[in-house]
Amino acid sequence: MALISKGIENVRAFELPGGIRADGEYVGTPRTALVTWRSSLSDTLYQVYVNGRYAGTTLDSQQRQLTVPIPMSLESAVRIEVFGVEPEETDVDFSNEIDWSPA
């Protein structure tokens, strides 16, 4: 099998602060994002890819969010994609199957 993209929608990413200083200022490194999505798939786990690279896999089929590291990018947007995978393929990195080219 391979990556499943049908049935996954409303993918959103929210940058998380690395911490908050005593004065209330935001600490932005290391950069991480909370990625959320909706899915009609069942008995499927999910993998998240950042700029075409594997970033993580969910632990169960009901999970619809994952925290992943994101790169610092001042020149282009960070591309985040969510795909379904069969449970026996959770450890497989499908980066080479993603058509990715920087914007």
PDB file of N, CA and C in Angstrom:
ATOM      1  N   MET A   1       0.852  -1.188   0.000  1.00  0.00           N
ATOM      2  CA  MET A   1       0.000   0.000   0.000  1.00  0.00           C
ATOM      3  C   MET A   1       0.890   1.241   0.000  1.00  0.00           C
ATOM      4  N   ALA A   2       0.285   2.390   0.159  1.00  0.00           N
ATOM      5  CA  ALA A   2       1.052   3.636   0.145  1.00  0.00           C
ATOM      6  C   ALA A   2       0.301   4.693   0.943  1.00  0.00           C
ATOM      7  N   LEU A   3       0.648   5.925   0.708  1.00  0.00           N
ATOM      8  CA  LEU A   3       0.006   7.035   1.405  1.00  0.00           C
ATOM      9  C   LEU A   3      -1.428   7.228   0.918  1.00  0.00           C
ATOM     10  N   ILE A   4      -2.316   7.537   1.868  1.00  0.00           N
ATOM     11  CA  ILE A   4      -3.724   7.762   1.556  1.00  0.00           C
ATOM     12  C   ILE A   4      -4.026   9.236   1.802  1.00  0.00           C
ATOM     13  N   SER A   5      -4.515   9.932   0.785  1.00  0.00           N
ATOM     14  CA  SER A   5      -4.835  11.348   0.970  1.00  0.00           C
ATOM     15  C   SER A   5      -6.339  11.619   0.935  1.00  0.00           C
ATOM     16  N   LYS A   6      -7.112  10.737   0.298  1.00  0.00           N
ATOM     17  CA  LYS A   6      -8.566  10.932   0.240  1.00  0.00           C
ATOM     18  C   LYS A   6      -9.167  10.753   1.625  1.00  0.00           C
ATOM     19  N   GLY A   7     -10.125  11.621   1.950  1.00  0.00           N
ATOM     20  CA  GLY A   7     -10.810  11.512   3.231  1.00  0.00           C
ATOM     21  C   GLY A   7     -10.182  12.325   4.347  1.00  0.00           C
ATOM     22  N   ILE A   8      -9.062  12.997   4.070  1.00  0.00           N
ATOM     23  CA  ILE A   8      -8.400  13.848   5.069  1.00  0.00           C
ATOM     24  C   ILE A   8      -8.592  15.297   4.633  1.00  0.00           C
ATOM     25  N   GLU A   9      -9.098  16.117   5.543  1.00  0.00           N
ATOM     26  CA  GLU A   9      -9.378  17.514   5.186  1.00  0.00           C
ATOM     27  C   GLU A   9      -9.195  18.423   6.388  1.00  0.00           C
ATOM     28  N   ASN A  10      -9.340  19.707   6.148  1.00  0.00           N
ATOM     29  CA  ASN A  10      -9.229  20.742   7.189  1.00  0.00           C
ATOM     30  C   ASN A  10      -7.914  20.640   7.966  1.00  0.00           C
ATOM     31  N   VAL A  11      -6.826  20.423   7.270  1.00  0.00           N
ATOM     32  CA  VAL A  11      -5.516  20.363   7.930  1.00  0.00           C
ATOM     33  C   VAL A  11      -5.139  21.776   8.358  1.00  0.00           C
ATOM     34  N   ARG A  12      -4.793  21.925   9.621  1.00  0.00           N
ATOM     35  CA  ARG A  12      -4.403  23.220  10.190  1.00  0.00           C
ATOM     36  C   ARG A  12      -3.121  23.032  10.983  1.00  0.00           C
ATOM     37  N   ALA A  13      -2.295  24.066  11.014  1.00  0.00           N
ATOM     38  CA  ALA A  13      -1.057  24.036  11.802  1.00  0.00           C
ATOM     39  C   ALA A  13      -0.971  25.313  12.627  1.00  0.00           C
ATOM     40  N   PHE A  14      -0.645  25.152  13.897  1.00  0.00           N
ATOM     41  CA  PHE A  14      -0.538  26.271  14.824  1.00  0.00           C
ATOM     42  C   PHE A  14       0.840  26.230  15.467  1.00  0.00           C
ATOM     43  N   GLU A  15       1.632  27.280  15.265  1.00  0.00           N
ATOM     44  CA  GLU A  15       2.960  27.311  15.870  1.00  0.00           C
ATOM     45  C   GLU A  15       2.823  27.408  17.385  1.00  0.00           C
ATOM     46  N   LEU A  16       3.607  26.602  18.092  1.00  0.00           N
ATOM     47  CA  LEU A  16       3.588  26.589  19.552  1.00  0.00           C
ATOM     48  C   LEU A  16       4.810  27.322  20.089  1.00  0.00           C
ATOM     49  N   PRO A  17       4.666  28.058  21.160  1.00  0.00           N
ATOM     50  CA  PRO A  17       5.833  28.735  21.737  1.00  0.00           C
ATOM     51  C   PRO A  17       6.760  27.724  22.393  1.00  0.00           C
ATOM     52  N   GLY A  18       8.061  27.984  22.311  1.00  0.00           N
ATOM     53  CA  GLY A  18       9.041  27.154  23.007  1.00  0.00           C
ATOM     54  C   GLY A  18       8.964  27.387  24.505  1.00  0.00           C
ATOM     55  N   GLY A  19       8.390  28.503  24.883  1.00  0.00           N
ATOM     56  CA  GLY A  19       8.226  28.870  26.285  1.00  0.00           C
ATOM     57  C   GLY A  19       7.822  30.326  26.393  1.00  0.00           C
ATOM     58  N   ILE A  20       7.511  30.737  27.604  1.00  0.00           N
ATOM     59  CA  ILE A  20       7.150  32.124  27.888  1.00  0.00           C
ATOM     60  C   ILE A  20       8.075  32.622  28.994  1.00  0.00           C
ATOM     61  N   ARG A  21       8.756  33.739  28.741  1.00  0.00           N
ATOM     62  CA  ARG A  21       9.648  34.322  29.747  1.00  0.00           C
ATOM     63  C   ARG A  21       8.832  34.974  30.856  1.00  0.00           C
ATOM     64  N   ALA A  22       9.500  35.305  31.955  1.00  0.00           N
ATOM     65  CA  ALA A  22       8.838  35.932  33.103  1.00  0.00           C
ATOM     66  C   ALA A  22       8.147  37.233  32.713  1.00  0.00           C
ATOM     67  N   ASP A  23       8.714  37.949  31.723  1.00  0.00           N
ATOM     68  CA  ASP A  23       8.097  39.208  31.292  1.00  0.00           C
ATOM     69  C   ASP A  23       6.965  38.992  30.278  1.00  0.00           C
ATOM     70  N   GLY A  24       6.639  37.723  30.013  1.00  0.00           N
ATOM     71  CA  GLY A  24       5.548  37.410  29.095  1.00  0.00           C
ATOM     72  C   GLY A  24       5.956  37.296  27.649  1.00  0.00           C
ATOM     73  N   GLU A  25       7.252  37.476  27.355  1.00  0.00           N
ATOM     74  CA  GLU A  25       7.724  37.401  25.973  1.00  0.00           C
ATOM     75  C   GLU A  25       7.801  35.945  25.509  1.00  0.00           C
ATOM     76  N   TYR A  26       7.499  35.758  24.253  1.00  0.00           N
ATOM     77  CA  TYR A  26       7.454  34.456  23.591  1.00  0.00           C
ATOM     78  C   TYR A  26       8.856  33.967  23.233  1.00  0.00           C
ATOM     79  N   VAL A  27       9.152  32.695  23.524  1.00  0.00           N
ATOM     80  CA  VAL A  27      10.406  32.062  23.111  1.00  0.00           C
ATOM     81  C   VAL A  27      10.059  31.140  21.946  1.00  0.00           C
ATOM     82  N   GLY A  28      10.606  31.422  20.763  1.00  0.00           N
ATOM     83  CA  GLY A  28      10.201  30.696  19.566  1.00  0.00           C
ATOM     84  C   GLY A  28      11.084  29.557  19.124  1.00  0.00           C
ATOM     85  N   THR A  29      12.124  29.239  19.842  1.00  0.00           N
ATOM     86  CA  THR A  29      12.985  28.135  19.416  1.00  0.00           C
ATOM     87  C   THR A  29      13.073  27.105  20.520  1.00  0.00           C
ATOM     88  N   PRO A  30      13.059  25.831  20.250  1.00  0.00           N
ATOM     89  CA  PRO A  30      12.898  25.239  18.922  1.00  0.00           C
ATOM     90  C   PRO A  30      11.472  25.432  18.430  1.00  0.00           C
ATOM     91  N   ARG A  31      11.314  25.482  17.117  1.00  0.00           N
ATOM     92  CA  ARG A  31       9.986  25.722  16.539  1.00  0.00           C
ATOM     93  C   ARG A  31       9.221  24.412  16.407  1.00  0.00           C
ATOM     94  N   THR A  32       8.008  24.405  16.943  1.00  0.00           N
ATOM     95  CA  THR A  32       7.118  23.254  16.818  1.00  0.00           C
ATOM     96  C   THR A  32       5.731  23.748  16.425  1.00  0.00           C
ATOM     97  N   ALA A  33       4.962  22.849  15.846  1.00  0.00           N
ATOM     98  CA  ALA A  33       3.590  23.189  15.461  1.00  0.00           C
ATOM     99  C   ALA A  33       2.656  22.067  15.868  1.00  0.00           C
ATOM    100  N   LEU A  34       1.461  22.445  16.276  1.00  0.00           N
ATOM    101  CA  LEU A  34       0.388  21.486  16.511  1.00  0.00           C
ATOM    102  C   LEU A  34      -0.386  21.385  15.200  1.00  0.00           C
ATOM    103  N   VAL A  35      -0.389  20.196  14.610  1.00  0.00           N
ATOM    104  CA  VAL A  35      -1.085  19.962  13.350  1.00  0.00           C
ATOM    105  C   VAL A  35      -2.380  19.215  13.666  1.00  0.00           C
ATOM    106  N   THR A  36      -3.503  19.738  13.186  1.00  0.00           N
ATOM    107  CA  THR A  36      -4.801  19.095  13.394  1.00  0.00           C
ATOM    108  C   THR A  36      -5.459  18.842  12.041  1.00  0.00           C
ATOM    109  N   TRP A  37      -6.380  17.877  11.993  1.00  0.00           N
ATOM    110  CA  TRP A  37      -7.084  17.562  10.756  1.00  0.00           C
ATOM    111  C   TRP A  37      -8.378  16.825  11.072  1.00  0.00           C
ATOM    112  N   ARG A  38      -9.216  16.694  10.059  1.00  0.00           N
ATOM    113  CA  ARG A  38     -10.431  15.880  10.132  1.00  0.00           C
ATOM    114  C   ARG A  38     -10.273  14.748   9.139  1.00  0.00           C
ATOM    115  N   SER A  39     -10.867  13.604   9.484  1.00  0.00           N
ATOM    116  CA  SER A  39     -10.743  12.459   8.596  1.00  0.00           C
ATOM    117  C   SER A  39     -11.968  11.562   8.696  1.00  0.00           C
ATOM    118  N   SER A  40     -12.371  11.027   7.562  1.00  0.00           N
ATOM    119  CA  SER A  40     -13.464  10.061   7.520  1.00  0.00           C
ATOM    120  C   SER A  40     -12.939   8.629   7.507  1.00  0.00           C
ATOM    121  N   LEU A  41     -11.627   8.470   7.551  1.00  0.00           N
ATOM    122  CA  LEU A  41     -11.013   7.142   7.501  1.00  0.00           C
ATOM    123  C   LEU A  41     -11.132   6.439   8.850  1.00  0.00           C
ATOM    124  N   SER A  42     -11.224   5.111   8.821  1.00  0.00           N
ATOM    125  CA  SER A  42     -11.232   4.336  10.064  1.00  0.00           C
ATOM    126  C   SER A  42     -10.146   3.267   9.973  1.00  0.00           C
ATOM    127  N   ASP A  43      -9.689   2.808  11.113  1.00  0.00           N
ATOM    128  CA  ASP A  43      -8.617   1.799  11.176  1.00  0.00           C
ATOM    129  C   ASP A  43      -7.385   2.227  10.387  1.00  0.00           C
ATOM    130  N   THR A  44      -7.114   3.515  10.408  1.00  0.00           N
ATOM    131  CA  THR A  44      -5.975   4.083   9.687  1.00  0.00           C
ATOM    132  C   THR A  44      -5.176   4.942  10.645  1.00  0.00           C
ATOM    133  N   LEU A  45      -3.862   4.849  10.574  1.00  0.00           N
ATOM    134  CA  LEU A  45      -3.007   5.756  11.327  1.00  0.00           C
ATOM    135  C   LEU A  45      -2.591   6.875  10.379  1.00  0.00           C
ATOM    136  N   TYR A  46      -2.002   7.923  10.931  1.00  0.00           N
ATOM    137  CA  TYR A  46      -1.682   9.101  10.127  1.00  0.00           C
ATOM    138  C   TYR A  46      -0.217   9.464  10.265  1.00  0.00           C
ATOM    139  N   GLN A  47       0.367   9.897   9.154  1.00  0.00           N
ATOM    140  CA  GLN A  47       1.734  10.399   9.149  1.00  0.00           C
ATOM    141  C   GLN A  47       1.702  11.862   8.723  1.00  0.00           C
ATOM    142  N   VAL A  48       2.568  12.655   9.352  1.00  0.00           N
ATOM    143  CA  VAL A  48       2.688  14.068   9.009  1.00  0.00           C
ATOM    144  C   VAL A  48       4.052  14.280   8.362  1.00  0.00           C
ATOM    145  N   TYR A  49       4.060  15.033   7.266  1.00  0.00           N
ATOM    146  CA  TYR A  49       5.279  15.365   6.537  1.00  0.00           C
ATOM    147  C   TYR A  49       5.428  16.880   6.495  1.00  0.00           C
ATOM    148  N   VAL A  50       6.637  17.356   6.770  1.00  0.00           N
ATOM    149  CA  VAL A  50       6.943  18.785   6.754  1.00  0.00           C
ATOM    150  C   VAL A  50       7.963  19.035   5.649  1.00  0.00           C
ATOM    151  N   ASN A  51       7.602  19.855   4.687  1.00  0.00           N
ATOM    152  CA  ASN A  51       8.456  20.129   3.522  1.00  0.00           C
ATOM    153  C   ASN A  51       8.926  18.839   2.854  1.00  0.00           C
ATOM    154  N   GLY A  52       8.010  17.865   2.769  1.00  0.00           N
ATOM    155  CA  GLY A  52       8.316  16.610   2.095  1.00  0.00           C
ATOM    156  C   GLY A  52       9.084  15.604   2.920  1.00  0.00           C
ATOM    157  N   ARG A  53       9.353  15.914   4.186  1.00  0.00           N
ATOM    158  CA  ARG A  53      10.101  14.998   5.060  1.00  0.00           C
ATOM    159  C   ARG A  53       9.203  14.461   6.167  1.00  0.00           C
ATOM    160  N   TYR A  54       9.391  13.190   6.484  1.00  0.00           N
ATOM    161  CA  TYR A  54       8.619  12.545   7.546  1.00  0.00           C
ATOM    162  C   TYR A  54       8.845  13.266   8.870  1.00  0.00           C
ATOM    163  N   ALA A  55       7.745  13.585   9.580  1.00  0.00           N
ATOM    164  CA  ALA A  55       7.847  14.296  10.859  1.00  0.00           C
ATOM    165  C   ALA A  55       7.269  13.503  12.024  1.00  0.00           C
ATOM    166  N   GLY A  56       6.356  12.563  11.770  1.00  0.00           N
ATOM    167  CA  GLY A  56       5.790  11.789  12.866  1.00  0.00           C
ATOM    168  C   GLY A  56       4.571  10.989  12.456  1.00  0.00           C
ATOM    169  N   THR A  57       4.178  10.050  13.344  1.00  0.00           N
ATOM    170  CA  THR A  57       3.036   9.171  13.120  1.00  0.00           C
ATOM    171  C   THR A  57       2.145   9.166  14.349  1.00  0.00           C
ATOM    172  N   THR A  58       0.836   9.103  14.147  1.00  0.00           N
ATOM    173  CA  THR A  58      -0.089   9.011  15.275  1.00  0.00           C
ATOM    174  C   THR A  58       0.035   7.642  15.942  1.00  0.00           C
ATOM    175  N   LEU A  59      -0.485   7.553  17.168  1.00  0.00           N
ATOM    176  CA  LEU A  59      -0.401   6.310  17.931  1.00  0.00           C
ATOM    177  C   LEU A  59      -1.636   5.436  17.792  1.00  0.00           C
ATOM    178  N   ASP A  60      -2.778   6.036  17.450  1.00  0.00           N
ATOM    179  CA  ASP A  60      -3.989   5.240  17.235  1.00  0.00           C
ATOM    180  C   ASP A  60      -4.850   5.881  16.147  1.00  0.00           C
ATOM    181  N   SER A  61      -5.843   5.133  15.681  1.00  0.00           N
ATOM    182  CA  SER A  61      -6.641   5.577  14.535  1.00  0.00           C
ATOM    183  C   SER A  61      -7.615   6.703  14.863  1.00  0.00           C
ATOM    184  N   GLN A  62      -7.852   6.991  16.139  1.00  0.00           N
ATOM    185  CA  GLN A  62      -8.755   8.076  16.528  1.00  0.00           C
ATOM    186  C   GLN A  62      -8.038   9.415  16.675  1.00  0.00           C
ATOM    187  N   GLN A  63      -6.716   9.384  16.722  1.00  0.00           N
ATOM    188  CA  GLN A  63      -5.924  10.604  16.926  1.00  0.00           C
ATOM    189  C   GLN A  63      -6.008  11.496  15.693  1.00  0.00           C
ATOM    190  N   ARG A  64      -6.298  12.788  15.917  1.00  0.00           N
ATOM    191  CA  ARG A  64      -6.426  13.738  14.813  1.00  0.00           C
ATOM    192  C   ARG A  64      -5.568  14.977  15.041  1.00  0.00           C
ATOM    193  N   GLN A  65      -4.488  14.822  15.784  1.00  0.00           N
ATOM    194  CA  GLN A  65      -3.543  15.923  15.972  1.00  0.00           C
ATOM    195  C   GLN A  65      -2.183  15.353  16.333  1.00  0.00           C
ATOM    196  N   LEU A  66      -1.150  16.128  16.010  1.00  0.00           N
ATOM    197  CA  LEU A  66       0.218  15.703  16.279  1.00  0.00           C
ATOM    198  C   LEU A  66       1.098  16.941  16.376  1.00  0.00           C
ATOM    199  N   THR A  67       2.018  16.940  17.314  1.00  0.00           N
ATOM    200  CA  THR A  67       2.989  18.019  17.441  1.00  0.00           C
ATOM    201  C   THR A  67       4.242  17.611  16.680  1.00  0.00           C
ATOM    202  N   VAL A  68       4.713  18.490  15.786  1.00  0.00           N
ATOM    203  CA  VAL A  68       5.875  18.178  14.954  1.00  0.00           C
ATOM    204  C   VAL A  68       6.849  19.350  14.943  1.00  0.00           C
ATOM    205  N   PRO A  69       8.146  19.063  14.758  1.00  0.00           N
ATOM    206  CA  PRO A  69       9.118  20.159  14.611  1.00  0.00           C
ATOM    207  C   PRO A  69       8.953  20.807  13.240  1.00  0.00           C
ATOM    208  N   ILE A  70       9.138  22.119  13.195  1.00  0.00           N
ATOM    209  CA  ILE A  70       9.080  22.823  11.913  1.00  0.00           C
ATOM    210  C   ILE A  70      10.349  23.657  11.740  1.00  0.00           C
ATOM    211  N   PRO A  71      10.829  23.791  10.506  1.00  0.00           N
ATOM    212  CA  PRO A  71      12.055  24.551  10.271  1.00  0.00           C
ATOM    213  C   PRO A  71      11.806  26.058  10.286  1.00  0.00           C
ATOM    214  N   MET A  72      12.870  26.801  10.526  1.00  0.00           N
ATOM    215  CA  MET A  72      12.819  28.255  10.394  1.00  0.00           C
ATOM    216  C   MET A  72      12.853  28.552   8.908  1.00  0.00           C
ATOM    217  N   SER A  73      11.897  29.309   8.424  1.00  0.00           N
ATOM    218  CA  SER A  73      11.831  29.600   7.000  1.00  0.00           C
ATOM    219  C   SER A  73      11.427  31.053   6.808  1.00  0.00           C
ATOM    220  N   LEU A  74      12.379  31.877   6.403  1.00  0.00           N
ATOM    221  CA  LEU A  74      12.099  33.289   6.187  1.00  0.00           C
ATOM    222  C   LEU A  74      11.765  33.603   4.737  1.00  0.00           C
ATOM    223  N   GLU A  75      12.046  32.660   3.832  1.00  0.00           N
ATOM    224  CA  GLU A  75      11.866  32.925   2.409  1.00  0.00           C
ATOM    225  C   GLU A  75      10.659  32.237   1.789  1.00  0.00           C
ATOM    226  N   SER A  76      10.165  31.172   2.407  1.00  0.00           N
ATOM    227  CA  SER A  76       9.008  30.476   1.842  1.00  0.00           C
ATOM    228  C   SER A  76       8.179  29.852   2.959  1.00  0.00           C
ATOM    229  N   ALA A  77       6.959  29.522   2.618  1.00  0.00           N
ATOM    230  CA  ALA A  77       6.065  28.894   3.592  1.00  0.00           C
ATOM    231  C   ALA A  77       6.531  27.480   3.914  1.00  0.00           C
ATOM    232  N   VAL A  78       6.188  27.015   5.095  1.00  0.00           N
ATOM    233  CA  VAL A  78       6.465  25.633   5.483  1.00  0.00           C
ATOM    234  C   VAL A  78       5.272  24.796   5.027  1.00  0.00           C
ATOM    235  N   ARG A  79       5.538  23.741   4.278  1.00  0.00           N
ATOM    236  CA  ARG A  79       4.468  22.892   3.745  1.00  0.00           C
ATOM    237  C   ARG A  79       4.249  21.713   4.680  1.00  0.00           C
ATOM    238  N   ILE A  80       3.024  21.564   5.176  1.00  0.00           N
ATOM    239  CA  ILE A  80       2.681  20.478   6.094  1.00  0.00           C
ATOM    240  C   ILE A  80       1.566  19.659   5.459  1.00  0.00           C
ATOM    241  N   GLU A  81       1.768  18.334   5.386  1.00  0.00           N
ATOM    242  CA  GLU A  81       0.790  17.437   4.784  1.00  0.00           C
ATOM    243  C   GLU A  81       0.508  16.274   5.719  1.00  0.00           C
ATOM    244  N   VAL A  82      -0.731  15.795   5.707  1.00  0.00           N
ATOM    245  CA  VAL A  82      -1.146  14.654   6.522  1.00  0.00           C
ATOM    246  C   VAL A  82      -1.640  13.561   5.583  1.00  0.00           C
ATOM    247  N   PHE A  83      -1.178  12.330   5.812  1.00  0.00           N
ATOM    248  CA  PHE A  83      -1.582  11.180   5.011  1.00  0.00           C
ATOM    249  C   PHE A  83      -1.984  10.036   5.926  1.00  0.00           C
ATOM    250  N   GLY A  84      -2.910   9.217   5.468  1.00  0.00           N
ATOM    251  CA  GLY A  84      -3.254   7.993   6.172  1.00  0.00           C
ATOM    252  C   GLY A  84      -2.318   6.878   5.741  1.00  0.00           C
ATOM    253  N   VAL A  85      -2.056   5.937   6.662  1.00  0.00           N
ATOM    254  CA  VAL A  85      -1.254   4.751   6.349  1.00  0.00           C
ATOM    255  C   VAL A  85      -1.878   3.546   7.039  1.00  0.00           C
ATOM    256  N   GLU A  86      -1.651   2.381   6.484  1.00  0.00           N
ATOM    257  CA  GLU A  86      -2.103   1.144   7.114  1.00  0.00           C
ATOM    258  C   GLU A  86      -1.297   0.916   8.395  1.00  0.00           C
ATOM    259  N   PRO A  87      -1.905   0.307   9.427  1.00  0.00           N
ATOM    260  CA  PRO A  87      -1.195   0.100  10.698  1.00  0.00           C
ATOM    261  C   PRO A  87       0.157  -0.606  10.557  1.00  0.00           C
ATOM    262  N   GLU A  88       0.276  -1.540   9.624  1.00  0.00           N
ATOM    263  CA  GLU A  88       1.554  -2.254   9.458  1.00  0.00           C
ATOM    264  C   GLU A  88       2.617  -1.394   8.777  1.00  0.00           C
ATOM    265  N   GLU A  89       2.250  -0.209   8.300  1.00  0.00           N
ATOM    266  CA  GLU A  89       3.200   0.670   7.617  1.00  0.00           C
ATOM    267  C   GLU A  89       3.549   1.922   8.418  1.00  0.00           C
ATOM    268  N   THR A  90       3.250   1.926   9.706  1.00  0.00           N
ATOM    269  CA  THR A  90       3.478   3.134  10.507  1.00  0.00           C
ATOM    270  C   THR A  90       4.946   3.518  10.587  1.00  0.00           C
ATOM    271  N   ASP A  91       5.840   2.558  10.491  1.00  0.00           N
ATOM    272  CA  ASP A  91       7.272   2.848  10.593  1.00  0.00           C
ATOM    273  C   ASP A  91       7.924   3.111   9.239  1.00  0.00           C
ATOM    274  N   VAL A  92       7.158   3.101   8.178  1.00  0.00           N
ATOM    275  CA  VAL A  92       7.705   3.313   6.834  1.00  0.00           C
ATOM    276  C   VAL A  92       7.721   4.810   6.521  1.00  0.00           C
ATOM    277  N   ASP A  93       8.874   5.297   6.094  1.00  0.00           N
ATOM    278  CA  ASP A  93       9.027   6.697   5.686  1.00  0.00           C
ATOM    279  C   ASP A  93       8.752   6.780   4.182  1.00  0.00           C
ATOM    280  N   PHE A  94       7.660   7.424   3.817  1.00  0.00           N
ATOM    281  CA  PHE A  94       7.259   7.533   2.418  1.00  0.00           C
ATOM    282  C   PHE A  94       7.705   8.845   1.779  1.00  0.00           C
ATOM    283  N   SER A  95       8.700   9.497   2.343  1.00  0.00           N
ATOM    284  CA  SER A  95       9.156  10.795   1.816  1.00  0.00           C
ATOM    285  C   SER A  95       9.454  10.753   0.324  1.00  0.00           C
ATOM    286  N   ASN A  96       9.999   9.639  -0.144  1.00  0.00           N
ATOM    287  CA  ASN A  96      10.369   9.541  -1.558  1.00  0.00           C
ATOM    288  C   ASN A  96       9.152   9.462  -2.481  1.00  0.00           C
ATOM    289  N   GLU A  97       7.945   9.241  -1.927  1.00  0.00           N
ATOM    290  CA  GLU A  97       6.733   9.172  -2.739  1.00  0.00           C
ATOM    291  C   GLU A  97       6.005  10.508  -2.837  1.00  0.00           C
ATOM    292  N   ILE A  98       6.459  11.493  -2.062  1.00  0.00           N
ATOM    293  CA  ILE A  98       5.790  12.789  -2.050  1.00  0.00           C
ATOM    294  C   ILE A  98       6.412  13.688  -3.109  1.00  0.00           C
ATOM    295  N   ASP A  99       5.559  14.238  -3.955  1.00  0.00           N
ATOM    296  CA  ASP A  99       6.021  15.187  -4.968  1.00  0.00           C
ATOM    297  C   ASP A  99       6.149  16.541  -4.289  1.00  0.00           C
ATOM    298  N   TRP A 100       7.358  16.908  -3.928  1.00  0.00           N
ATOM    299  CA  TRP A 100       7.568  18.156  -3.202  1.00  0.00           C
ATOM    300  C   TRP A 100       8.656  18.971  -3.863  1.00  0.00           C
ATOM    301  N   SER A 101       8.322  20.208  -4.107  1.00  0.00           N
ATOM    302  CA  SER A 101       9.331  21.156  -4.573  1.00  0.00           C
ATOM    303  C   SER A 101       9.052  22.467  -3.859  1.00  0.00           C
ATOM    304  N   PRO A 102      10.101  23.147  -3.402  1.00  0.00           N
ATOM    305  CA  PRO A 102       9.905  24.397  -2.660  1.00  0.00           C
ATOM    306  C   PRO A 102       9.132  25.422  -3.482  1.00  0.00           C
ATOM    307  N   ALA A 103       8.349  26.212  -2.791  1.00  0.00           N
ATOM    308  CA  ALA A 103       7.548  27.241  -3.472  1.00  0.00           C
ATOM    309  C   ALA A 103       8.422  28.354  -3.995  1.00  0.00           C
TER     310      ALA A 103
END
